Amino acid sequence: MEEQYETRQARKRKRFRPRGKLFLLLIILLLGAGVYFFIQYQQGQDIAGETEIEPEPFTGDEDNSGYQNILVLGVDSRGEEQSRTDTMMMVTHDRENNEVKITSFMRDIYADIPGYQSYKLNTAYYLGGVDLLASTLREMFGVEIHNYALVDFKSFETLVDIAAPGGVEIDVEKEMSEKIGVTLSPGLQKLNGQELLGYARFRSDNEGDFGRVRRQQQVIAALKDELVSVSSIPKLPKLAGAAQGYVQTDMPLVDQIKLATQLGTGGSGEIERLTIPVEGGYSYANYPQAGSVLEIDLEQNRRALEEFLSQPLD
């Protein structure tokens, strides 16, 4: 009887031993992943150094379960305390379908800036920061803006090189060199951070600012594809660490990671893009205080934006 009891105990130990080993292996893997994330995140923070940027005052719209609109701004500060925004995009995350849309607002739009006389749209940031620019867009177009992210162009170069050390694939449509600090040749190629920024900023052709905005949208789409690829997963902790020093935003780190995870595990299709003003929805004008501007048909552009976003505009 005693021998039979011992045999049963031995069988039980044998039966549960593999499961116990698997659990132990899982714990080790999770700990290893956590250590790797921490080390890489710290390395990213070290790259950014002491440049961590405190978010500026910003009043976002109340959270919307259906979609999230993030105002993304690119600034060429050149050491100045006040600067104008060269890039103004609204990145929309459709939470229900896990899709992304980009709306670009041309910087020369003649805008009614709350509390000031009318100027070019990019002057709103110069006068009152992100909050005033967001208020201007809300009043003109009726959009909700929930969060913002702002990056200086020099910081953008560094972030690209961390995210894609081998470069980002872009089909350069023509030779480009004037006023962008690099020389680009036509053809499909991998661009590093400095080259990618130069490509996005080029406007010395017949398209002017419209061509530049188109290329900015193309760059954002290419970066999104790069970041959601499997090969980029090991680089994400370092990128997240560096972003804390280089990107000014009101979004907590947890929300940033959550959004990145949703985009990385969900909709991987083409990013839809729109430029405001739309074709045929503007004319050129000139004003003493603002210079040459784009005077837009506000109703036509609001309708186009509402149809593109599939959002009700106030």
Protein backbone atom coordinates (compact mmCIF):
# COMPACT_ATOMS: atom_id res chain seq x y z
CA MET A 1 0.00 0.00 0.00
CA GLU A 2 2.82 2.34 0.92
CA GLU A 3 4.65 1.45 -2.30
CA GLN A 4 1.50 2.18 -4.35
CA TYR A 5 1.17 5.64 -2.68
CA GLU A 6 4.77 6.50 -3.51
CA THR A 7 4.22 5.47 -7.14
CA ARG A 8 1.21 7.78 -7.40
CA GLN A 9 3.21 10.69 -5.97
CA ALA A 10 6.01 10.07 -8.45
CA ARG A 11 3.52 10.07 -11.31
CA LYS A 12 2.02 13.32 -10.11
CA ARG A 13 5.46 14.95 -9.96
CA LYS A 14 6.26 13.77 -13.47
CA ARG A 15 2.92 15.00 -14.76
CA PHE A 16 3.37 18.56 -13.43
CA ARG A 17 7.09 19.02 -13.95
CA PRO A 18 6.93 20.16 -17.65
CA ARG A 19 4.20 22.65 -16.86
CA GLY A 20 6.25 24.07 -14.01
CA LYS A 21 9.28 24.44 -16.25
CA LEU A 22 7.20 26.24 -18.88
CA PHE A 23 5.91 28.68 -16.28
CA LEU A 24 9.45 29.30 -15.01
CA LEU A 25 10.64 29.90 -18.60
CA LEU A 26 7.81 32.39 -19.15
CA ILE A 27 8.77 34.30 -15.99
CA ILE A 28 12.42 34.45 -17.12
CA LEU A 29 11.41 35.71 -20.58
CA LEU A 30 9.16 38.40 -19.10
CA LEU A 31 11.90 39.54 -16.73
CA GLY A 32 14.39 39.59 -19.58
CA ALA A 33 12.04 41.63 -21.74
CA GLY A 34 11.48 44.06 -18.88
CA VAL A 35 15.22 44.50 -18.31
CA TYR A 36 15.79 44.98 -22.06
CA PHE A 37 13.00 47.59 -22.26
CA PHE A 38 14.39 49.47 -19.25
CA ILE A 39 17.99 49.51 -20.55
CA GLN A 40 16.95 50.58 -24.05
CA TYR A 41 14.58 53.22 -22.69
CA GLN A 42 17.39 54.63 -20.53
CA GLN A 43 19.72 54.69 -23.54
CA GLY A 44 17.11 56.68 -25.44
CA GLN A 45 16.82 59.15 -22.58
CA ASP A 46 20.62 59.44 -22.48
CA ILE A 47 20.64 60.35 -26.18
CA ALA A 48 18.17 63.15 -25.50
CA GLY A 49 20.33 64.23 -22.55
CA GLU A 50 18.93 67.01 -20.40
CA THR A 51 16.55 68.24 -23.10
CA GLU A 52 13.32 66.87 -21.63
CA ILE A 53 10.60 69.31 -22.59
CA GLU A 54 7.77 70.21 -20.28
CA PRO A 55 4.40 70.35 -22.08
CA GLU A 56 3.11 73.87 -22.55
CA PRO A 57 -0.40 74.93 -21.43
CA PHE A 58 -2.96 73.18 -23.63
CA THR A 59 -6.68 72.62 -23.20
CA GLY A 60 -7.72 69.59 -25.22
CA ASP A 61 -11.26 68.63 -26.11
CA GLU A 62 -12.98 65.98 -24.04
CA ASP A 63 -11.97 62.41 -24.86
CA ASN A 64 -13.98 60.90 -27.71
CA SER A 65 -14.52 57.13 -27.81
CA GLY A 66 -14.90 57.08 -31.60
CA TYR A 67 -11.77 58.95 -32.65
CA GLN A 68 -8.75 60.88 -31.43
CA ASN A 69 -7.42 64.01 -33.17
CA ILE A 70 -3.78 64.86 -32.43
CA LEU A 71 -2.35 68.18 -33.60
CA VAL A 72 1.18 67.42 -34.81
CA LEU A 73 3.49 70.40 -35.30
CA GLY A 74 6.96 70.75 -36.76
CA VAL A 75 8.96 73.81 -35.73
CA ASP A 76 12.25 75.19 -37.00
CA SER A 77 13.19 77.22 -33.92
CA ARG A 78 16.84 77.95 -34.84
CA GLY A 79 17.44 78.88 -31.21
CA GLU A 80 14.62 81.42 -31.05
CA GLU A 81 12.20 81.49 -28.15
CA GLN A 82 9.27 82.20 -30.45
CA SER A 83 8.86 80.58 -33.83
CA ARG A 84 6.27 79.79 -36.45
CA THR A 85 5.10 76.29 -37.31
CA ASP A 86 6.35 75.03 -40.66
CA THR A 87 4.33 71.83 -40.39
CA MET A 88 0.73 71.67 -39.15
CA MET A 89 -1.00 68.31 -39.34
CA MET A 90 -3.94 66.74 -37.59
CA VAL A 91 -3.43 63.00 -37.20
CA THR A 92 -6.75 61.23 -36.69
CA HIS A 93 -6.93 57.79 -35.11
CA ASP A 94 -10.24 56.15 -35.96
CA ARG A 95 -10.58 53.98 -32.86
CA GLU A 96 -13.44 51.88 -34.17
CA ASN A 97 -11.63 50.78 -37.33
CA ASN A 98 -8.07 51.35 -36.04
CA GLU A 99 -7.21 53.47 -39.06
CA VAL A 100 -5.15 56.64 -39.42
CA LYS A 101 -5.88 59.77 -41.44
CA ILE A 102 -3.71 62.87 -41.89
CA THR A 103 -5.04 66.37 -42.54
CA SER A 104 -2.43 68.99 -43.43
CA PHE A 105 -3.18 72.69 -43.01
CA MET A 106 -1.20 75.01 -45.27
CA ARG A 107 0.77 77.54 -43.28
CA ASP A 108 -0.21 80.48 -45.54
CA ILE A 109 -3.97 80.11 -44.95
CA TYR A 110 -5.39 83.54 -44.10
CA ALA A 111 -6.86 82.85 -40.66
CA ASP A 112 -9.02 84.65 -38.12
CA ILE A 113 -6.89 84.25 -34.99
CA PRO A 114 -8.95 84.69 -31.78
CA GLY A 115 -7.96 87.91 -30.00
CA TYR A 116 -5.80 89.17 -32.89
CA GLN A 117 -6.24 90.53 -36.37
CA SER A 118 -6.08 88.05 -39.24
CA TYR A 119 -2.67 86.62 -40.17
CA LYS A 120 -1.25 83.53 -41.79
CA LEU A 121 -2.28 80.39 -39.91
CA ASN A 122 1.27 79.56 -38.78
CA THR A 123 1.45 82.92 -36.97
CA ALA A 124 -1.06 81.64 -34.39
CA TYR A 125 1.61 79.47 -32.76
CA TYR A 126 4.02 82.42 -32.70
CA LEU A 127 1.42 84.58 -30.94
CA GLY A 128 0.00 82.13 -28.43
CA GLY A 129 1.51 78.67 -28.68
CA VAL A 130 -0.29 75.39 -29.29
CA ASP A 131 -3.43 76.48 -27.43
CA LEU A 132 -4.04 79.49 -29.69
CA LEU A 133 -3.33 77.51 -32.85
CA ALA A 134 -5.74 74.78 -31.75
CA SER A 135 -8.40 77.39 -30.91
CA THR A 136 -7.94 78.95 -34.36
CA LEU A 137 -8.46 75.60 -36.09
CA ARG A 138 -11.48 74.79 -33.92
CA GLU A 139 -13.18 78.11 -34.71
CA MET A 140 -12.41 77.97 -38.44
CA PHE A 141 -13.15 74.31 -39.13
CA GLY A 142 -15.19 73.04 -36.17
CA VAL A 143 -12.82 70.16 -35.40
CA GLU A 144 -12.10 68.64 -32.02
CA ILE A 145 -8.43 68.56 -30.99
CA HIS A 146 -7.74 66.20 -28.11
CA ASN A 147 -3.94 66.18 -27.87
CA TYR A 148 -0.86 67.70 -29.43
CA ALA A 149 2.73 66.73 -30.23
CA LEU A 150 5.45 69.17 -31.24
CA VAL A 151 8.95 68.39 -32.48
CA ASP A 152 11.84 70.60 -33.53
CA PHE A 153 13.28 69.66 -36.92
CA LYS A 154 16.75 68.89 -35.53
CA SER A 155 15.21 66.50 -33.02
CA PHE A 156 13.21 64.90 -35.83
CA GLU A 157 16.47 63.90 -37.56
CA THR A 158 17.73 62.12 -34.43
CA LEU A 159 14.43 60.31 -33.82
CA VAL A 160 14.37 59.03 -37.41
CA ASP A 161 17.91 57.66 -37.06
CA ILE A 162 16.91 55.83 -33.86
CA ALA A 163 13.70 54.43 -35.34
CA ALA A 164 15.26 53.43 -38.66
CA PRO A 165 19.08 53.13 -38.44
CA GLY A 166 19.12 51.77 -41.99
CA GLY A 167 17.05 54.66 -43.33
CA VAL A 168 13.44 55.11 -44.43
CA GLU A 169 12.46 54.03 -47.94
CA ILE A 170 11.31 56.93 -50.12
CA ASP A 171 10.91 57.24 -53.88
CA VAL A 172 12.54 60.63 -54.54
CA GLU A 173 10.80 62.02 -57.60
CA LYS A 174 13.43 64.55 -58.70
CA GLU A 175 16.82 65.99 -57.82
CA MET A 176 16.57 68.15 -54.72
CA SER A 177 19.17 70.31 -53.02
CA GLU A 178 18.14 73.96 -52.83
CA LYS A 179 17.73 75.25 -49.26
CA ILE A 180 17.48 71.78 -47.65
CA GLY A 181 21.09 71.16 -46.58
CA VAL A 182 21.44 67.87 -48.49
CA THR A 183 21.54 66.72 -52.12
CA LEU A 184 19.02 64.06 -53.13
CA SER A 185 19.02 62.14 -56.41
CA PRO A 186 15.91 60.66 -58.07
CA GLY A 187 14.92 57.06 -57.36
CA LEU A 188 13.84 54.63 -54.66
CA GLN A 189 16.31 54.79 -51.76
CA LYS A 190 16.79 54.70 -48.00
CA LEU A 191 17.03 58.19 -46.46
CA ASN A 192 18.57 58.93 -43.07
CA GLY A 193 17.13 61.53 -40.70
CA GLN A 194 18.80 64.55 -42.26
CA GLU A 195 17.95 63.44 -45.81
CA LEU A 196 14.36 62.62 -44.88
CA LEU A 197 13.88 66.05 -43.31
CA GLY A 198 15.40 67.69 -46.40
CA TYR A 199 13.02 65.74 -48.63
CA ALA A 200 10.03 66.82 -46.51
CA ARG A 201 11.07 70.50 -46.56
CA PHE A 202 11.91 70.89 -50.26
CA ARG A 203 9.70 73.43 -52.04
CA SER A 204 11.90 74.94 -54.77
CA ASP A 205 9.78 73.73 -57.67
CA ASN A 206 6.51 74.54 -59.39
CA GLU A 207 4.46 72.90 -56.60
CA GLY A 208 5.88 75.19 -53.91
CA ASP A 209 4.30 74.70 -50.49
CA PHE A 210 1.68 72.29 -51.86
CA GLY A 211 4.46 69.93 -52.95
CA ARG A 212 6.14 70.26 -49.59
CA VAL A 213 2.93 69.39 -47.73
CA ARG A 214 2.43 66.35 -49.99
CA ARG A 215 5.95 65.15 -49.20
CA GLN A 216 5.44 65.74 -45.48
CA GLN A 217 2.41 63.46 -45.59
CA GLN A 218 4.39 60.89 -47.57
CA VAL A 219 7.15 60.96 -44.93
CA ILE A 220 4.69 60.44 -42.05
CA ALA A 221 3.11 57.49 -43.90
CA ALA A 222 6.55 55.95 -44.56
CA LEU A 223 7.53 56.37 -40.90
CA LYS A 224 4.30 54.76 -39.76
CA ASP A 225 4.98 51.75 -42.02
CA GLU A 226 8.51 51.54 -40.63
CA LEU A 227 7.38 51.69 -37.01
CA VAL A 228 4.69 48.98 -37.34
CA SER A 229 7.08 46.52 -39.01
CA VAL A 230 8.29 43.54 -36.95
CA SER A 231 11.93 44.59 -37.41
CA SER A 232 11.26 47.86 -35.56
CA ILE A 233 9.94 46.30 -32.35
CA PRO A 234 13.38 46.05 -30.64
CA LYS A 235 14.04 49.75 -31.38
CA LEU A 236 10.80 51.05 -29.86
CA PRO A 237 11.94 51.27 -26.19
CA LYS A 238 14.97 53.41 -27.14
CA LEU A 239 12.75 55.56 -29.37
CA ALA A 240 10.25 56.01 -26.53
CA GLY A 241 13.04 57.13 -24.20
CA ALA A 242 14.44 59.64 -26.69
CA ALA A 243 10.97 60.96 -27.48
CA GLN A 244 10.54 62.06 -23.87
CA GLY A 245 13.35 64.56 -24.45
CA TYR A 246 12.70 65.52 -28.03
CA VAL A 247 8.91 65.58 -28.40
CA GLN A 248 6.73 68.04 -26.52
CA THR A 249 3.28 66.57 -25.89
CA ASP A 250 0.44 66.54 -23.37
CA MET A 251 -0.02 62.77 -23.81
CA PRO A 252 1.26 60.69 -20.85
CA LEU A 253 3.83 58.00 -21.72
CA VAL A 254 1.31 55.24 -21.03
CA ASP A 255 -1.10 56.71 -23.59
CA GLN A 256 1.70 57.10 -26.13
CA ILE A 257 2.62 53.42 -25.77
CA LYS A 258 -1.03 52.37 -25.90
CA LEU A 259 -1.60 54.30 -29.14
CA ALA A 260 1.60 52.93 -30.70
CA THR A 261 0.56 49.38 -29.74
CA GLN A 262 -2.92 49.81 -31.23
CA LEU A 263 -1.48 51.08 -34.50
CA GLY A 264 1.19 48.39 -34.58
CA THR A 265 -1.23 45.51 -34.01
CA GLY A 266 -4.15 46.84 -36.03
CA GLY A 267 -4.87 48.65 -39.26
CA SER A 268 -1.80 48.47 -41.47
CA GLY A 269 -3.39 49.84 -44.63
CA GLU A 270 -2.57 53.04 -46.48
CA ILE A 271 -2.93 56.28 -44.53
CA GLU A 272 -5.59 58.51 -46.05
CA ARG A 273 -4.45 62.10 -46.60
CA LEU A 274 -6.09 65.48 -47.17
CA THR A 275 -4.64 68.96 -47.66
CA ILE A 276 -6.52 72.08 -46.62
CA PRO A 277 -7.28 74.12 -48.66
CA VAL A 278 -8.61 71.63 -51.21
CA GLU A 279 -8.16 72.10 -54.93
CA GLY A 280 -10.39 74.91 -56.19
CA GLY A 281 -11.10 76.02 -52.61
CA TYR A 282 -8.74 78.98 -52.40
CA SER A 283 -7.35 82.04 -54.14
CA TYR A 284 -4.20 84.10 -53.67
CA ALA A 285 -4.40 87.46 -51.92
CA ASN A 286 -2.14 90.00 -50.26
CA TYR A 287 -2.59 91.91 -47.00
CA PRO A 288 -0.29 94.56 -45.45
CA GLN A 289 0.09 92.79 -42.09
CA ALA A 290 0.35 89.24 -43.49
CA GLY A 291 1.86 89.46 -46.97
CA SER A 292 0.95 86.88 -49.62
CA VAL A 293 -1.71 84.47 -48.33
CA LEU A 294 -4.15 81.74 -49.34
CA GLU A 295 -7.68 83.07 -48.96
CA ILE A 296 -9.88 80.02 -48.62
CA ASP A 297 -13.54 79.22 -49.30
CA LEU A 298 -14.26 78.26 -45.70
CA GLU A 299 -17.53 76.43 -46.34
CA GLN A 300 -16.12 74.37 -49.20
CA ASN A 301 -13.12 73.34 -47.13
CA ARG A 302 -15.21 72.54 -44.07
CA ARG A 303 -17.42 70.25 -46.16
CA ALA A 304 -14.38 68.52 -47.62
CA LEU A 305 -12.88 68.04 -44.15
CA GLU A 306 -16.12 66.69 -42.69
CA GLU A 307 -16.48 64.17 -45.53
CA PHE A 308 -12.84 63.10 -45.24
CA LEU A 309 -12.86 62.62 -41.47
CA SER A 310 -16.40 61.21 -41.22
CA GLN A 311 -16.74 63.36 -38.11
CA PRO A 312 -19.47 65.86 -37.26
CA LEU A 313 -17.97 69.37 -37.30
CA ASP A 314 -19.44 72.14 -35.14
